[in-house]
Amino acid sequence: MMKRGRIVAAGDPTSVITAENIASVYRVEAAVRNLSDRPMIMPLRQIKG
């Protein structure tokens, strides 16, 4: 996962696609669930500030 041209997380999808990483990179609060060993992202709201 990259933010502003820099790698912030690397690895398999379940270790990279986390609520914390999504919040940091995209400024979105999200719930992440694993379905059939694949992450499913449910955006909840934009993080202001």
N, C-alpha and C. Protein backbone atom coordinates (compact mmCIF):
# COMPACT_ATOMS: atom_id res chain seq x y z
N MET A 1 0.86 -1.15 0.00
CA MET A 1 0.00 0.00 0.00
C MET A 1 0.91 1.22 0.00
N MET A 2 0.54 2.21 -0.81
CA MET A 2 1.38 3.41 -0.93
C MET A 2 0.61 4.66 -0.52
N LYS A 3 1.36 5.61 0.01
CA LYS A 3 0.82 6.92 0.37
C LYS A 3 1.83 7.96 -0.07
N ARG A 4 1.39 8.84 -0.95
CA ARG A 4 2.25 9.92 -1.48
C ARG A 4 3.54 9.38 -2.07
N GLY A 5 3.43 8.27 -2.80
CA GLY A 5 4.58 7.71 -3.49
C GLY A 5 5.51 6.88 -2.63
N ARG A 6 5.15 6.63 -1.38
CA ARG A 6 5.98 5.83 -0.48
C ARG A 6 5.22 4.60 -0.01
N ILE A 7 5.93 3.52 0.13
CA ILE A 7 5.33 2.29 0.62
C ILE A 7 5.08 2.41 2.12
N VAL A 8 3.83 2.22 2.53
CA VAL A 8 3.50 2.26 3.96
C VAL A 8 3.18 0.87 4.51
N ALA A 9 2.86 -0.07 3.63
CA ALA A 9 2.58 -1.45 4.06
C ALA A 9 2.82 -2.38 2.88
N ALA A 10 3.40 -3.53 3.18
CA ALA A 10 3.66 -4.53 2.14
C ALA A 10 3.39 -5.91 2.73
N GLY A 11 2.94 -6.81 1.88
CA GLY A 11 2.67 -8.17 2.33
C GLY A 11 1.42 -8.71 1.69
N ASP A 12 0.88 -9.75 2.31
CA ASP A 12 -0.33 -10.34 1.77
C ASP A 12 -1.53 -9.43 2.06
N PRO A 13 -2.60 -9.54 1.27
CA PRO A 13 -3.74 -8.62 1.41
C PRO A 13 -4.33 -8.55 2.82
N THR A 14 -4.42 -9.67 3.51
CA THR A 14 -5.03 -9.63 4.84
C THR A 14 -4.17 -8.90 5.87
N SER A 15 -2.87 -8.83 5.65
CA SER A 15 -2.02 -8.09 6.59
C SER A 15 -1.87 -6.62 6.20
N VAL A 16 -2.10 -6.30 4.93
CA VAL A 16 -1.93 -4.93 4.45
C VAL A 16 -3.24 -4.14 4.52
N ILE A 17 -4.33 -4.79 4.12
CA ILE A 17 -5.62 -4.10 4.06
C ILE A 17 -6.27 -4.19 5.43
N THR A 18 -5.95 -3.22 6.27
CA THR A 18 -6.48 -3.15 7.63
C THR A 18 -7.19 -1.81 7.81
N ALA A 19 -8.05 -1.74 8.81
CA ALA A 19 -8.75 -0.48 9.09
C ALA A 19 -7.75 0.63 9.39
N GLU A 20 -6.68 0.31 10.09
CA GLU A 20 -5.67 1.31 10.44
C GLU A 20 -4.97 1.84 9.19
N ASN A 21 -4.57 0.95 8.30
CA ASN A 21 -3.89 1.39 7.07
C ASN A 21 -4.82 2.20 6.18
N ILE A 22 -6.07 1.79 6.06
CA ILE A 22 -7.03 2.52 5.24
C ILE A 22 -7.24 3.92 5.81
N ALA A 23 -7.35 4.03 7.12
CA ALA A 23 -7.52 5.34 7.75
C ALA A 23 -6.31 6.22 7.49
N SER A 24 -5.13 5.67 7.62
CA SER A 24 -3.90 6.44 7.43
C SER A 24 -3.72 6.90 5.99
N VAL A 25 -3.99 6.04 5.03
CA VAL A 25 -3.73 6.35 3.63
C VAL A 25 -4.87 7.13 2.99
N TYR A 26 -6.11 6.71 3.24
CA TYR A 26 -7.26 7.29 2.53
C TYR A 26 -8.11 8.23 3.37
N ARG A 27 -7.80 8.35 4.67
CA ARG A 27 -8.56 9.22 5.57
C ARG A 27 -10.04 8.81 5.62
N VAL A 28 -10.26 7.50 5.67
CA VAL A 28 -11.61 6.94 5.73
C VAL A 28 -11.66 5.93 6.86
N GLU A 29 -12.66 6.07 7.72
CA GLU A 29 -12.90 5.04 8.73
C GLU A 29 -13.61 3.89 8.04
N ALA A 30 -13.11 2.70 8.22
CA ALA A 30 -13.69 1.55 7.53
C ALA A 30 -13.64 0.31 8.41
N ALA A 31 -14.58 -0.57 8.16
CA ALA A 31 -14.56 -1.89 8.78
C ALA A 31 -14.01 -2.85 7.74
N VAL A 32 -13.12 -3.72 8.16
CA VAL A 32 -12.53 -4.70 7.24
C VAL A 32 -12.85 -6.09 7.77
N ARG A 33 -13.45 -6.90 6.92
CA ARG A 33 -13.77 -8.28 7.27
C ARG A 33 -13.14 -9.20 6.24
N ASN A 34 -12.75 -10.38 6.65
CA ASN A 34 -12.19 -11.35 5.71
C ASN A 34 -13.26 -12.36 5.32
N LEU A 35 -13.51 -12.44 4.03
CA LEU A 35 -14.46 -13.39 3.47
C LEU A 35 -13.73 -14.27 2.48
N SER A 36 -13.72 -15.55 2.72
CA SER A 36 -13.01 -16.49 1.84
C SER A 36 -11.55 -16.09 1.66
N ASP A 37 -10.92 -15.69 2.75
CA ASP A 37 -9.50 -15.28 2.76
C ASP A 37 -9.23 -14.03 1.93
N ARG A 38 -10.24 -13.22 1.71
CA ARG A 38 -10.06 -11.95 0.99
C ARG A 38 -10.68 -10.84 1.82
N PRO A 39 -9.97 -9.71 1.96
CA PRO A 39 -10.53 -8.62 2.74
C PRO A 39 -11.70 -7.94 2.02
N MET A 40 -12.75 -7.65 2.77
CA MET A 40 -13.87 -6.87 2.26
C MET A 40 -13.89 -5.56 3.05
N ILE A 41 -13.88 -4.45 2.35
CA ILE A 41 -13.80 -3.14 2.98
C ILE A 41 -15.18 -2.50 2.97
N MET A 42 -15.62 -2.05 4.15
CA MET A 42 -16.89 -1.34 4.27
C MET A 42 -16.60 0.07 4.76
N PRO A 43 -16.57 1.05 3.85
CA PRO A 43 -16.32 2.43 4.27
C PRO A 43 -17.44 2.90 5.20
N LEU A 44 -17.08 3.56 6.28
CA LEU A 44 -18.07 4.04 7.23
C LEU A 44 -18.23 5.56 7.17
N ARG A 45 -17.10 6.27 7.18
CA ARG A 45 -17.17 7.73 7.10
C ARG A 45 -15.79 8.30 6.83
N GLN A 46 -15.79 9.52 6.31
CA GLN A 46 -14.53 10.22 6.05
C GLN A 46 -13.97 10.75 7.36
N ILE A 47 -12.67 10.70 7.49
CA ILE A 47 -12.00 11.24 8.67
C ILE A 47 -11.69 12.71 8.39
N LYS A 48 -12.20 13.58 9.21
CA LYS A 48 -11.98 15.03 9.02
C LYS A 48 -10.69 15.44 9.72
N GLY A 49 -10.13 16.54 9.22
CA GLY A 49 -8.97 17.10 9.90
C GLY A 49 -7.74 16.88 9.25
